[in-house]
Amino acid sequence: MNRDFSHLYAVIMAGGRGERFWPVGRRNRPKQFLPLSSDRPLIEETVLRLFPLIPPERILVITNQEFVEQSRELLPLPAENIIGEPTGRNTAPCIALATALLKQRDPQSTMVLLPADHVISPVKKFQQAIVKAVEIAQTNCLVTLGIIPHKPSTGYGYIHAGEFEADFAEVQEFREKPDRKTAEQFLRDGNYLWNSGIFIWRTDAIEKEFQQHTPALAEKITNWANGADFNKDFAACENISIDYAIMEKTKNVKVGKVDFCWNDIGSWSSLRSLYPLDENGNVIKGDVIALDSGDNVLIGDAGITLGVIGMHGIALIQSGDAVLVCPLSEEQRVKELLAQNPPEKR
């Protein structure tokens, strides 16, 4: 089949702070700039994963203003395609800005929207899934990609899917991160997928959804597409996610069931599925000596020796001038820890 992808664009959302990866990640070096899955930063891997399906001139990155120059130096994209938000306002305002920019560039555009900090492989299967989703999106519905769960995770949002036809189904509902019992029920049910946070839609289709569900953001889209400076009023946008603003309200969304490997690397323990483990189930990076210890994540700078005795299920992370020690079961509380830390130490 001959496919015309000349109106296909990618928008990479790279505004996150990545506080969960402190102390390796800091305020001036958030998660998307960390080489967690390879020797390349996650954001660079995300861009390269789109080649050659989408060329550099049709890939946009929306990040925080303070990371614009860093992103331009790192990424093989035109400088004008790296756009800085003057302040963080969650995913719905970010997507509203992307919609305005693409409406301005190409009214016929279709948008592939994806986070900057996920690990996906193999690239071929990822691109095949995108191609199928783009074709579905031409019917003017919104499309998201769902990951087949292999465990009862409480760390992901879920998508309740209807009957599948050629790997796509109507979305019945979006579900927030569940408790353990509910996650186990979702896994047994078989009709629930992990929400990947990857979306595909025509630019005019998502604009109509903004008009229907969030008129204030729809007005911003119109103004920005007509040349108004988003820097002047972006901060006035409601701080709301695309899930709450549109996806949980619309009836016009389909989910594609994909078979590529996906990991949003949301915590230190998630590295245990990415890195090789030693004979005791430890992730070890750096100069680490572990005695009678297992199922840990032990990471330190080169030249600094970490010694661990009789420890199980902990994170011991040393980077620069800071050290984190906690049970892996408590790792989600890092943000809570940082809230008590002076800003210059974060």
Protein backbone atom coordinates (compact mmCIF):
# COMPACT_ATOMS: atom_id res chain seq x y z
CA MET A 1 0.00 0.00 0.00
CA ASN A 2 1.33 3.43 -0.91
CA ARG A 3 1.03 5.68 2.08
CA ASP A 4 1.43 9.45 2.08
CA PHE A 5 3.10 10.52 5.33
CA SER A 6 4.01 14.01 4.14
CA HIS A 7 1.55 15.49 6.66
CA LEU A 8 2.76 13.36 9.58
CA TYR A 9 4.42 15.19 12.48
CA ALA A 10 5.73 14.15 15.87
CA VAL A 11 5.47 16.21 19.03
CA ILE A 12 7.67 15.15 21.94
CA MET A 13 6.65 16.36 25.39
CA ALA A 14 9.80 17.00 27.41
CA GLY A 15 8.72 19.27 30.23
CA GLY A 16 9.02 16.83 33.14
CA ARG A 17 11.25 17.35 36.15
CA GLY A 18 12.02 13.68 36.76
CA GLU A 19 12.29 14.13 40.53
CA ARG A 20 11.90 10.40 41.11
CA PHE A 21 15.48 9.90 39.88
CA TRP A 22 17.13 12.16 42.40
CA PRO A 23 20.02 12.37 43.10
CA VAL A 24 21.20 11.34 39.59
CA GLY A 25 18.50 13.59 38.14
CA ARG A 26 18.53 17.18 39.36
CA ARG A 27 16.57 20.36 38.65
CA ASN A 28 19.02 21.25 35.89
CA ARG A 29 19.21 17.67 34.55
CA PRO A 30 15.79 16.03 34.65
CA LYS A 31 14.97 12.46 33.72
CA GLN A 32 14.69 13.00 29.95
CA PHE A 33 18.37 14.05 29.84
CA LEU A 34 19.62 10.98 31.71
CA PRO A 35 21.17 7.99 29.86
CA LEU A 36 19.10 5.46 31.79
CA SER A 37 18.55 2.85 29.09
CA SER A 38 21.71 3.24 26.98
CA ASP A 39 24.62 5.64 26.61
CA ARG A 40 22.25 8.19 25.04
CA PRO A 41 19.85 10.44 26.97
CA LEU A 42 16.24 9.26 26.87
CA ILE A 43 15.09 12.29 24.85
CA GLU A 44 17.68 11.59 22.17
CA GLU A 45 16.59 7.95 21.97
CA THR A 46 12.99 9.16 21.57
CA VAL A 47 13.90 11.37 18.60
CA LEU A 48 16.07 8.75 16.88
CA ARG A 49 13.27 6.18 17.25
CA LEU A 50 11.15 8.24 14.86
CA PHE A 51 13.67 8.19 11.98
CA PRO A 52 13.17 7.68 9.07
CA LEU A 53 9.37 7.48 9.41
CA ILE A 54 9.24 11.17 10.37
CA PRO A 55 12.07 13.48 9.21
CA PRO A 56 13.76 16.01 11.53
CA GLU A 57 11.95 19.01 10.06
CA ARG A 58 8.61 17.49 11.15
CA ILE A 59 9.58 16.63 14.73
CA LEU A 60 8.82 19.21 17.42
CA VAL A 61 10.00 19.13 21.03
CA ILE A 62 8.13 21.11 23.67
CA THR A 63 10.15 21.51 26.84
CA ASN A 64 10.66 23.99 29.64
CA GLN A 65 12.26 27.26 28.57
CA GLU A 66 15.34 26.61 30.67
CA PHE A 67 16.08 23.41 28.71
CA VAL A 68 15.70 24.82 25.19
CA GLU A 69 19.39 25.47 24.54
CA GLN A 70 20.44 22.15 26.08
CA SER A 71 17.92 20.36 23.83
CA ARG A 72 19.05 22.24 20.73
CA GLU A 73 22.67 21.25 21.35
CA LEU A 74 21.78 17.62 21.94
CA LEU A 75 19.14 16.81 19.33
CA PRO A 76 19.52 16.49 15.52
CA LEU A 77 16.55 18.80 14.87
CA PRO A 78 16.12 22.32 13.48
CA ALA A 79 16.60 24.85 16.28
CA GLU A 80 13.18 26.39 15.68
CA ASN A 81 11.56 22.99 16.35
CA ILE A 82 12.60 23.10 20.02
CA ILE A 83 9.94 25.16 21.76
CA GLY A 84 10.10 26.33 25.38
CA GLU A 85 7.10 26.66 27.65
CA PRO A 86 7.47 29.72 29.89
CA THR A 87 6.12 27.67 32.80
CA GLY A 88 4.94 24.11 33.39
CA ARG A 89 1.18 23.64 32.96
CA ASN A 90 0.71 19.87 32.54
CA THR A 91 -0.05 18.03 29.30
CA ALA A 92 -3.31 19.63 28.11
CA PRO A 93 -1.87 23.15 27.66
CA CYS A 94 1.27 21.60 26.12
CA ILE A 95 -0.88 19.75 23.58
CA ALA A 96 -2.97 22.85 22.96
CA LEU A 97 0.25 24.69 22.07
CA ALA A 98 1.34 21.84 19.79
CA THR A 99 -2.06 21.91 18.10
CA ALA A 100 -1.76 25.64 17.43
CA LEU A 101 1.78 25.29 16.05
CA LEU A 102 0.83 22.45 13.70
CA LYS A 103 -2.39 24.17 12.63
CA GLN A 104 -0.20 27.10 11.65
CA ARG A 105 2.37 24.95 9.82
CA ASP A 106 0.12 22.41 8.15
CA PRO A 107 -3.68 22.42 8.54
CA GLN A 108 -3.78 18.86 7.15
CA SER A 109 -1.30 17.54 9.71
CA THR A 110 -1.58 14.39 11.79
CA MET A 111 0.19 14.45 15.15
CA VAL A 112 2.06 11.64 16.89
CA LEU A 113 2.35 12.77 20.49
CA LEU A 114 4.74 11.02 22.82
CA PRO A 115 6.65 11.53 26.07
CA ALA A 116 10.39 12.14 25.92
CA ASP A 117 11.38 9.69 28.63
CA HIS A 118 10.09 6.21 27.78
CA VAL A 119 12.08 3.16 26.71
CA ILE A 120 10.67 1.35 23.67
CA SER A 121 12.01 -1.53 21.58
CA PRO A 122 12.29 -2.76 18.93
CA VAL A 123 12.04 0.34 16.78
CA LYS A 124 10.55 -1.58 13.85
CA LYS A 125 7.53 -2.75 15.86
CA PHE A 126 7.07 0.73 17.33
CA GLN A 127 6.99 2.32 13.87
CA GLN A 128 4.63 -0.36 12.55
CA ALA A 129 2.23 0.43 15.40
CA ILE A 130 2.45 4.16 14.62
CA VAL A 131 1.68 3.54 10.94
CA LYS A 132 -1.45 1.52 11.81
CA ALA A 133 -2.57 4.17 14.29
CA VAL A 134 -2.08 6.96 11.76
CA GLU A 135 -4.36 5.14 9.34
CA ILE A 136 -7.06 4.75 12.02
CA ALA A 137 -6.69 8.43 12.94
CA GLN A 138 -7.63 9.47 9.40
CA THR A 139 -11.24 8.60 10.30
CA ASN A 140 -11.09 11.66 12.61
CA CYS A 141 -11.07 9.66 15.84
CA LEU A 142 -8.47 10.00 18.57
CA VAL A 143 -6.09 7.07 18.91
CA THR A 144 -3.98 5.94 21.84
CA LEU A 145 -1.66 2.97 22.23
CA GLY A 146 -2.15 0.43 25.00
CA ILE A 147 0.41 -1.97 26.40
CA ILE A 148 -0.59 -5.55 27.19
CA PRO A 149 0.05 -5.89 30.95
CA HIS A 150 2.23 -8.74 32.15
CA LYS A 151 1.82 -8.05 35.87
CA PRO A 152 -0.71 -6.33 38.17
CA SER A 153 1.00 -2.93 38.22
CA THR A 154 -0.24 -0.18 40.52
CA GLY A 155 2.07 2.36 38.89
CA TYR A 156 0.29 2.76 35.55
CA GLY A 157 -3.05 4.11 34.42
CA TYR A 158 -5.24 1.59 32.56
CA ILE A 159 -7.46 1.63 29.47
CA HIS A 160 -10.60 -0.53 29.43
CA ALA A 161 -10.94 -1.71 25.84
CA GLY A 162 -13.96 -3.06 23.98
CA GLU A 163 -13.88 -5.78 21.33
CA PHE A 164 -10.74 -5.70 19.21
CA GLU A 165 -10.74 -5.72 15.43
CA ALA A 166 -7.31 -5.83 13.77
CA ASP A 167 -5.67 -4.79 17.07
CA PHE A 168 -7.88 -1.71 17.60
CA ALA A 169 -10.92 -1.27 19.83
CA GLU A 170 -13.24 1.41 21.14
CA VAL A 171 -12.14 2.74 24.52
CA GLN A 172 -14.72 2.02 27.21
CA GLU A 173 -13.03 4.11 29.88
CA PHE A 174 -9.72 5.34 31.23
CA ARG A 175 -8.88 4.20 34.76
CA GLU A 176 -6.49 5.84 37.19
CA LYS A 177 -3.64 3.96 38.85
CA PRO A 178 -5.38 1.16 40.78
CA ASP A 179 -4.68 -0.46 44.11
CA ARG A 180 -3.17 -3.95 44.11
CA LYS A 181 -6.47 -5.82 44.29
CA THR A 182 -7.96 -3.84 41.40
CA ALA A 183 -4.79 -4.27 39.31
CA GLU A 184 -5.01 -8.03 39.80
CA GLN A 185 -8.65 -7.92 38.69
CA PHE A 186 -7.70 -5.93 35.56
CA LEU A 187 -5.05 -8.52 34.69
CA ARG A 188 -7.51 -11.41 35.06
CA ASP A 189 -10.16 -9.59 33.02
CA GLY A 190 -7.90 -9.36 29.97
CA ASN A 191 -9.58 -6.26 28.51
CA TYR A 192 -7.42 -3.73 30.32
CA LEU A 193 -4.24 -2.27 28.87
CA TRP A 194 -1.58 -0.04 30.38
CA ASN A 195 -1.92 3.56 29.22
CA SER A 196 1.29 4.32 27.30
CA GLY A 197 0.71 8.07 27.08
CA ILE A 198 1.25 7.91 23.30
CA PHE A 199 -1.49 9.53 21.20
CA ILE A 200 -2.12 9.86 17.46
CA TRP A 201 -4.72 12.18 15.94
CA ARG A 202 -5.39 14.65 13.19
CA THR A 203 -4.68 18.19 14.34
CA ASP A 204 -8.17 19.35 13.33
CA ALA A 205 -9.72 16.40 15.23
CA ILE A 206 -8.01 17.22 18.53
CA GLU A 207 -8.86 20.90 18.09
CA LYS A 208 -12.55 19.98 17.87
CA GLU A 209 -12.22 18.04 21.10
CA PHE A 210 -10.67 21.07 22.80
CA GLN A 211 -13.55 23.18 21.52
CA GLN A 212 -16.08 20.74 22.95
CA HIS A 213 -14.49 19.97 26.32
CA THR A 214 -12.12 22.84 27.19
CA PRO A 215 -13.30 26.05 25.46
CA ALA A 216 -10.70 28.22 27.24
CA LEU A 217 -7.82 26.18 25.80
CA ALA A 218 -9.57 26.06 22.40
CA GLU A 219 -9.59 29.85 22.39
CA LYS A 220 -5.85 29.84 23.11
CA ILE A 221 -5.30 27.47 20.16
CA THR A 222 -7.10 29.86 17.82
CA ASN A 223 -5.17 32.88 19.08
CA TRP A 224 -1.77 31.20 19.00
CA ALA A 225 -2.37 29.72 15.54
CA ASN A 226 -3.21 33.23 14.34
CA GLY A 227 0.13 34.55 15.57
CA ALA A 228 -0.48 35.58 19.19
CA ASP A 229 2.57 35.15 21.46
CA PHE A 230 1.96 32.13 23.70
CA ASN A 231 4.66 33.36 26.08
CA LYS A 232 2.34 36.15 27.21
CA ASP A 233 -0.60 34.03 28.32
CA PHE A 234 0.60 30.41 28.64
CA ALA A 235 0.84 30.78 32.42
CA ALA A 236 -2.88 31.61 32.50
CA CYS A 237 -3.76 28.14 31.17
CA GLU A 238 -5.41 25.70 33.54
CA ASN A 239 -2.94 23.19 35.00
CA ILE A 240 -4.62 20.00 33.75
CA SER A 241 -3.64 16.75 32.06
CA ILE A 242 -4.93 15.70 28.66
CA ASP A 243 -6.54 12.67 30.33
CA TYR A 244 -8.72 14.82 32.59
CA ALA A 245 -9.29 17.57 30.02
CA ILE A 246 -10.33 15.39 27.07
CA MET A 247 -9.57 11.67 27.05
CA GLU A 248 -11.83 10.75 29.98
CA LYS A 249 -14.70 12.82 28.52
CA THR A 250 -14.66 12.06 24.81
CA LYS A 251 -16.46 9.10 23.21
CA ASN A 252 -14.33 9.41 20.08
CA VAL A 253 -11.24 7.41 21.00
CA LYS A 254 -9.80 4.06 19.98
CA VAL A 255 -6.94 2.10 21.49
CA GLY A 256 -4.38 0.04 19.62
CA LYS A 257 -3.00 -3.08 21.30
CA VAL A 258 0.76 -3.11 20.65
CA ASP A 259 3.43 -5.73 21.09
CA PHE A 260 6.60 -3.69 21.42
CA CYS A 261 8.47 -3.58 24.74
CA TRP A 262 7.63 -0.45 26.73
CA ASN A 263 8.85 0.95 30.02
CA ASP A 264 8.16 4.44 31.30
CA ILE A 265 11.03 4.08 33.81
CA GLY A 266 9.05 5.74 36.55
CA SER A 267 11.23 4.71 39.46
CA TRP A 268 14.56 3.20 40.47
CA SER A 269 13.05 -0.27 40.74
CA SER A 270 12.01 -0.10 37.07
CA LEU A 271 15.71 -0.33 36.18
CA ARG A 272 15.57 -3.94 37.34
CA SER A 273 13.70 -4.80 34.14
CA LEU A 274 16.22 -2.94 31.96
CA TYR A 275 19.63 -3.82 33.35
CA PRO A 276 21.27 -7.22 33.81
CA LEU A 277 21.03 -8.46 37.39
CA ASP A 278 23.85 -10.09 39.33
CA GLU A 279 23.42 -13.57 40.80
CA ASN A 280 21.53 -12.10 43.78
CA GLY A 281 19.12 -9.99 41.73
CA ASN A 282 20.93 -6.68 42.24
CA VAL A 283 21.26 -3.86 39.71
CA ILE A 284 24.83 -2.62 40.17
CA LYS A 285 26.43 0.37 38.46
CA GLY A 286 29.70 1.83 39.67
CA ASP A 287 32.13 0.57 42.32
CA VAL A 288 29.86 -1.52 44.55
CA ILE A 289 30.69 -4.31 46.97
CA ALA A 290 27.59 -6.24 48.09
CA LEU A 291 27.68 -8.96 50.74
CA ASP A 292 24.65 -11.15 51.54
CA SER A 293 22.42 -8.62 49.76
CA GLY A 294 19.79 -9.12 47.05
CA ASP A 295 17.07 -7.52 44.95
CA ASN A 296 18.61 -4.05 45.35
CA VAL A 297 19.39 -1.12 43.04
CA LEU A 298 22.93 0.01 43.88
CA ILE A 299 24.33 2.89 41.84
CA GLY A 300 27.28 5.19 42.45
CA ASP A 301 29.74 7.46 40.68
CA ALA A 302 32.96 5.95 39.39
CA GLY A 303 35.76 6.29 41.93
CA ILE A 304 33.48 6.11 44.97
CA THR A 305 33.07 2.69 46.56
CA LEU A 306 29.69 1.69 47.99
CA GLY A 307 29.65 -1.15 50.54
CA VAL A 308 26.40 -2.98 51.31
CA ILE A 309 25.91 -5.78 53.86
CA GLY A 310 22.75 -7.78 54.51
CA MET A 311 20.41 -5.47 52.62
CA HIS A 312 17.41 -6.57 50.55
CA GLY A 313 14.98 -4.59 48.39
CA ILE A 314 16.62 -1.20 48.82
CA ALA A 315 17.82 1.63 46.60
CA LEU A 316 21.26 3.03 47.40
CA ILE A 317 21.96 5.81 44.92
CA GLN A 318 25.01 8.09 45.13
CA SER A 319 25.57 10.91 42.64
CA GLY A 320 27.72 13.98 43.10
CA ASP A 321 27.11 15.51 46.52
CA ALA A 322 24.02 13.49 47.45
CA VAL A 323 23.03 9.98 48.54
CA LEU A 324 19.58 8.37 48.59
CA VAL A 325 18.87 5.32 50.74
CA CYS A 326 15.36 3.83 50.96
CA PRO A 327 13.42 0.59 50.64
CA LEU A 328 12.27 0.16 47.05
CA SER A 329 8.75 -0.07 48.46
CA GLU A 330 9.09 3.58 49.56
CA GLU A 331 10.78 4.98 46.45
CA GLN A 332 7.69 6.92 45.34
CA ARG A 333 8.25 9.21 48.32
CA VAL A 334 11.33 10.85 46.79
CA LYS A 335 9.23 13.88 45.79
CA GLU A 336 8.11 14.15 49.40
CA LEU A 337 11.75 14.07 50.46
CA LEU A 338 12.73 16.77 48.01
CA ALA A 339 9.94 19.03 49.22
CA GLN A 340 11.87 19.23 52.51
CA ASN A 341 15.20 19.81 50.77
CA PRO A 342 16.55 23.31 49.97
CA PRO A 343 16.01 24.08 46.24
CA GLU A 344 19.74 24.36 45.59
CA LYS A 345 20.18 20.75 46.75
CA ARG A 346 17.48 19.28 44.53
